[in-house]
Amino acid sequence: MQINKLKAKMTERGYTQKRLASNMGISIQTLNSKINGKATFSLDEAVLLTKILSIENPLEIFFESSSQKCNKRN
């Protein structure tokens, strides 16, 4: 997951973690865990996030390219 892109989209749309968690119907602790990679977003949550934040290309946020994965390993 591209955390920086998700956080940038949140800022762009004027969402704090507290507001976003409330709109998603989850606790702020749960959202924080998911944003920081300690838990994963379900498909339904990813779809909801895409709608709430008006994300045009969710693949850019929810998936890493293979070159990014290789860079993390090196």
C-alpha atoms as a PDB file:
ATOM      1  CA  MET A   1       0.000   0.000   0.000  1.00  0.00           C
ATOM      2  CA  GLN A   2       1.161   3.500  -0.809  1.00  0.00           C
ATOM      3  CA  ILE A   3       0.715   5.191   2.570  1.00  0.00           C
ATOM      4  CA  ASN A   4       2.055   8.566   1.450  1.00  0.00           C
ATOM      5  CA  LYS A   5      -0.351   8.685  -1.494  1.00  0.00           C
ATOM      6  CA  LEU A   6      -3.286   7.791   0.743  1.00  0.00           C
ATOM      7  CA  LYS A   7      -2.328  10.447   3.293  1.00  0.00           C
ATOM      8  CA  ALA A   8      -1.880  13.007   0.497  1.00  0.00           C
ATOM      9  CA  LYS A   9      -5.351  12.201  -0.822  1.00  0.00           C
ATOM     10  CA  MET A  10      -6.782  12.558   2.689  1.00  0.00           C
ATOM     11  CA  THR A  11      -5.150  15.964   3.062  1.00  0.00           C
ATOM     12  CA  GLU A  12      -6.256  17.023  -0.414  1.00  0.00           C
ATOM     13  CA  ARG A  13      -9.860  16.170   0.436  1.00  0.00           C
ATOM     14  CA  GLY A  14      -9.671  17.706   3.935  1.00  0.00           C
ATOM     15  CA  TYR A  15      -9.943  14.469   5.916  1.00  0.00           C
ATOM     16  CA  THR A  16      -8.301  13.724   9.224  1.00  0.00           C
ATOM     17  CA  GLN A  17      -8.002  10.121  10.371  1.00  0.00           C
ATOM     18  CA  LYS A  18     -10.743  10.812  12.911  1.00  0.00           C
ATOM     19  CA  ARG A  19     -13.160  12.138  10.283  1.00  0.00           C
ATOM     20  CA  LEU A  20     -12.338   9.391   7.795  1.00  0.00           C
ATOM     21  CA  ALA A  21     -12.753   6.657  10.415  1.00  0.00           C
ATOM     22  CA  SER A  22     -16.118   8.119  11.389  1.00  0.00           C
ATOM     23  CA  ASN A  23     -17.282   8.214   7.759  1.00  0.00           C
ATOM     24  CA  MET A  24     -16.149   4.614   7.291  1.00  0.00           C
ATOM     25  CA  GLY A  25     -17.843   3.415  10.478  1.00  0.00           C
ATOM     26  CA  ILE A  26     -14.633   2.146  12.081  1.00  0.00           C
ATOM     27  CA  SER A  27     -12.605   3.310  15.058  1.00  0.00           C
ATOM     28  CA  ILE A  28      -9.696   5.681  14.612  1.00  0.00           C
ATOM     29  CA  GLN A  29      -7.422   2.993  16.091  1.00  0.00           C
ATOM     30  CA  THR A  30      -8.546   0.508  13.445  1.00  0.00           C
ATOM     31  CA  LEU A  31      -8.022   3.026  10.641  1.00  0.00           C
ATOM     32  CA  ASN A  32      -4.598   3.941  11.996  1.00  0.00           C
ATOM     33  CA  SER A  33      -3.578   0.272  12.085  1.00  0.00           C
ATOM     34  CA  LYS A  34      -4.682  -0.179   8.485  1.00  0.00           C
ATOM     35  CA  ILE A  35      -2.983   2.983   7.230  1.00  0.00           C
ATOM     36  CA  ASN A  36       0.258   2.006   8.965  1.00  0.00           C
ATOM     37  CA  GLY A  37       0.246  -1.542   7.593  1.00  0.00           C
ATOM     38  CA  LYS A  38      -0.454  -3.358  10.853  1.00  0.00           C
ATOM     39  CA  ALA A  39      -3.799  -4.537   9.438  1.00  0.00           C
ATOM     40  CA  THR A  40      -5.221  -4.673   5.938  1.00  0.00           C
ATOM     41  CA  PHE A  41      -8.209  -2.986   4.360  1.00  0.00           C
ATOM     42  CA  SER A  42     -10.974  -5.341   3.309  1.00  0.00           C
ATOM     43  CA  LEU A  43     -12.225  -5.053  -0.257  1.00  0.00           C
ATOM     44  CA  ASP A  44     -15.368  -3.294   0.981  1.00  0.00           C
ATOM     45  CA  GLU A  45     -13.263  -0.817   2.980  1.00  0.00           C
ATOM     46  CA  ALA A  46     -11.023  -0.137  -0.024  1.00  0.00           C
ATOM     47  CA  VAL A  47     -14.071   0.521  -2.200  1.00  0.00           C
ATOM     48  CA  LEU A  48     -15.531   2.813   0.463  1.00  0.00           C
ATOM     49  CA  LEU A  49     -12.227   4.704   0.796  1.00  0.00           C
ATOM     50  CA  THR A  50     -12.117   5.108  -2.973  1.00  0.00           C
ATOM     51  CA  LYS A  51     -15.589   6.647  -2.937  1.00  0.00           C
ATOM     52  CA  ILE A  52     -15.093   8.868   0.114  1.00  0.00           C
ATOM     53  CA  LEU A  53     -11.763  10.262  -1.087  1.00  0.00           C
ATOM     54  CA  SER A  54     -12.735  10.327  -4.791  1.00  0.00           C
ATOM     55  CA  ILE A  55      -9.704   8.232  -5.712  1.00  0.00           C
ATOM     56  CA  GLU A  56      -9.578   7.931  -9.495  1.00  0.00           C
ATOM     57  CA  ASN A  57      -7.025   5.120  -9.676  1.00  0.00           C
ATOM     58  CA  PRO A  58      -7.140   2.953  -6.524  1.00  0.00           C
ATOM     59  CA  LEU A  59      -4.411   0.685  -7.890  1.00  0.00           C
ATOM     60  CA  GLU A  60      -1.889   3.492  -7.316  1.00  0.00           C
ATOM     61  CA  ILE A  61      -2.718   3.489  -3.609  1.00  0.00           C
ATOM     62  CA  PHE A  62      -3.607  -0.089  -2.743  1.00  0.00           C
ATOM     63  CA  PHE A  63      -0.963  -1.913  -4.791  1.00  0.00           C
ATOM     64  CA  GLU A  64       2.774  -1.496  -5.224  1.00  0.00           C
ATOM     65  CA  SER A  65       4.540  -1.947  -8.524  1.00  0.00           C
ATOM     66  CA  SER A  66       7.064  -4.757  -8.745  1.00  0.00           C
ATOM     67  CA  SER A  67       9.918  -2.241  -8.972  1.00  0.00           C
ATOM     68  CA  GLN A  68       8.808  -0.700  -5.660  1.00  0.00           C
ATOM     69  CA  LYS A  69       8.783  -4.131  -4.033  1.00  0.00           C
ATOM     70  CA  CYS A  70      12.289  -4.838  -5.340  1.00  0.00           C
ATOM     71  CA  ASN A  71      13.559  -1.526  -3.978  1.00  0.00           C
ATOM     72  CA  LYS A  72      12.189  -2.375  -0.516  1.00  0.00           C
ATOM     73  CA  ARG A  73      14.057  -5.685  -0.508  1.00  0.00           C
ATOM     74  CA  ASN A  74      17.417  -4.123  -1.435  1.00  0.00           C
END
